[in-house]
Each structure stands twice: as structure tokens, then as C-alpha cells.
Amino acid sequence: MIGFPFETESDIRKTLKLIYLMKRQNKSAMFGVSILNSYPSNIMKECIDKGFVYPQKTEGWASDWVNIKLPWVSASGRMTDSRR
């Protein structure tokens, strides 16, 4: 999983490198990368502080978040936080 507000671009690259390494070692293995979809939790406040907008109704939590927006990740996938 990637996209945590405290995660750096380097962290994401390391995660992806690990996936590629594991895939080279076992070609039949299957991997997927999930982007943070933070339900109420300990990191909720940090997400809100960085501009994330949570659904206002229960139905919104169950919807398919295809176009999820993480304000700390630019459209190009670059982390916008200065901690890169």
C-alpha cells in the first residue's frame, strides 16, 4: 500500500522495487499496489490536515473510489510534501 501522508517518494520507490524484485524471483507470484483509502483511523487527522476530504455520508465510504484524490501526491505521482 502506498500514499500515506507521512510517506516519502523514496519510500514509494523502495516499495515498488521490492515488488519487482519479488516478481523476478517468482514469476508466478501476483502483486498489486493499493493506494491509501483511509477509513476512520489514527492517520485520519493527518490526512484531513493535508487537505483530504472524506465522504460526508455512510454511502460515500462504500462507493468505488476510482478517482481518489490525495492532496499530497501530484497528478504525476510525485509527492508534494517537502520530505521527499
Protein backbone atom coordinates (compact mmCIF):
# COMPACT_ATOMS: atom_id res chain seq x y z
CA MET A 1 0.00 0.00 0.00
CA ILE A 2 1.28 3.46 -0.87
CA GLY A 3 0.06 7.01 -0.43
CA PHE A 4 0.38 7.53 3.30
CA PRO A 5 0.73 11.25 4.13
CA PHE A 6 3.97 10.61 6.03
CA GLU A 7 5.46 8.51 3.21
CA THR A 8 8.20 9.94 1.03
CA GLU A 9 8.72 9.46 -2.69
CA SER A 10 11.76 7.37 -1.77
CA ASP A 11 9.56 5.11 0.37
CA ILE A 12 7.22 4.50 -2.56
CA ARG A 13 10.15 3.72 -4.88
CA LYS A 14 11.50 1.21 -2.34
CA THR A 15 8.11 -0.49 -2.12
CA LEU A 16 7.89 -0.78 -5.91
CA LYS A 17 11.49 -2.04 -6.15
CA LEU A 18 10.68 -4.75 -3.61
CA ILE A 19 7.66 -5.83 -5.64
CA TYR A 20 9.75 -6.01 -8.83
CA LEU A 21 12.48 -7.97 -7.03
CA MET A 22 9.99 -10.47 -5.63
CA LYS A 23 8.36 -10.84 -9.05
CA ARG A 24 11.73 -11.57 -10.68
CA GLN A 25 12.36 -14.25 -8.08
CA ASN A 26 8.96 -15.85 -8.54
CA LYS A 27 7.42 -15.20 -11.96
CA SER A 28 4.14 -16.86 -11.00
CA ALA A 29 3.64 -14.56 -8.00
CA MET A 30 0.97 -11.89 -8.32
CA PHE A 31 1.21 -8.47 -6.70
CA GLY A 32 -0.90 -5.36 -6.65
CA VAL A 33 -0.33 -1.88 -5.33
CA SER A 34 -3.12 -0.23 -3.41
CA ILE A 35 -3.37 3.50 -2.79
CA LEU A 36 -4.34 4.64 0.68
CA ASN A 37 -8.08 4.83 1.18
CA SER A 38 -8.09 5.87 4.78
CA TYR A 39 -11.17 4.94 6.71
CA PRO A 40 -11.50 6.50 10.17
CA SER A 41 -8.24 5.68 11.91
CA ASN A 42 -5.23 7.15 13.66
CA ILE A 43 -3.99 8.81 10.47
CA MET A 44 -7.35 10.41 9.66
CA LYS A 45 -6.41 13.74 11.28
CA GLU A 46 -3.13 13.92 9.37
CA CYS A 47 -4.96 13.25 6.09
CA ILE A 48 -7.52 15.97 6.83
CA ASP A 49 -4.75 18.39 7.86
CA LYS A 50 -3.16 17.83 4.45
CA GLY A 51 -6.42 18.56 2.60
CA PHE A 52 -8.07 15.17 2.12
CA VAL A 53 -11.87 15.34 2.01
CA TYR A 54 -13.69 12.36 3.48
CA PRO A 55 -17.19 11.31 2.42
CA GLN A 56 -19.87 13.06 4.45
CA LYS A 57 -22.35 10.17 4.34
CA THR A 58 -22.04 6.46 5.05
CA GLU A 59 -22.82 5.63 1.42
CA GLY A 60 -19.72 7.53 0.34
CA TRP A 61 -17.47 5.11 2.23
CA ALA A 62 -18.89 2.17 0.30
CA SER A 63 -18.51 3.73 -3.15
CA ASP A 64 -15.79 2.76 -5.57
CA TRP A 65 -13.14 5.47 -5.12
CA VAL A 66 -11.80 5.31 -8.67
CA ASN A 67 -10.86 8.99 -8.78
CA ILE A 68 -9.47 9.26 -5.27
CA LYS A 69 -7.55 12.49 -4.67
CA LEU A 70 -4.60 12.57 -2.30
CA PRO A 71 -3.57 16.24 -1.99
CA TRP A 72 -0.01 15.31 -1.00
CA VAL A 73 0.51 13.38 -4.29
CA SER A 74 0.60 15.40 -7.53
CA ALA A 75 -1.15 14.29 -10.72
CA SER A 76 2.21 12.96 -11.98
CA GLY A 77 2.50 10.77 -8.89
CA ARG A 78 5.17 12.90 -7.24
CA MET A 79 4.92 13.54 -3.52
CA THR A 80 4.18 17.24 -2.93
CA ASP A 81 5.46 17.15 0.63
CA SER A 82 8.92 18.61 1.22
CA ARG A 83 10.09 15.41 2.96
CA ARG A 84 10.91 13.59 -0.34
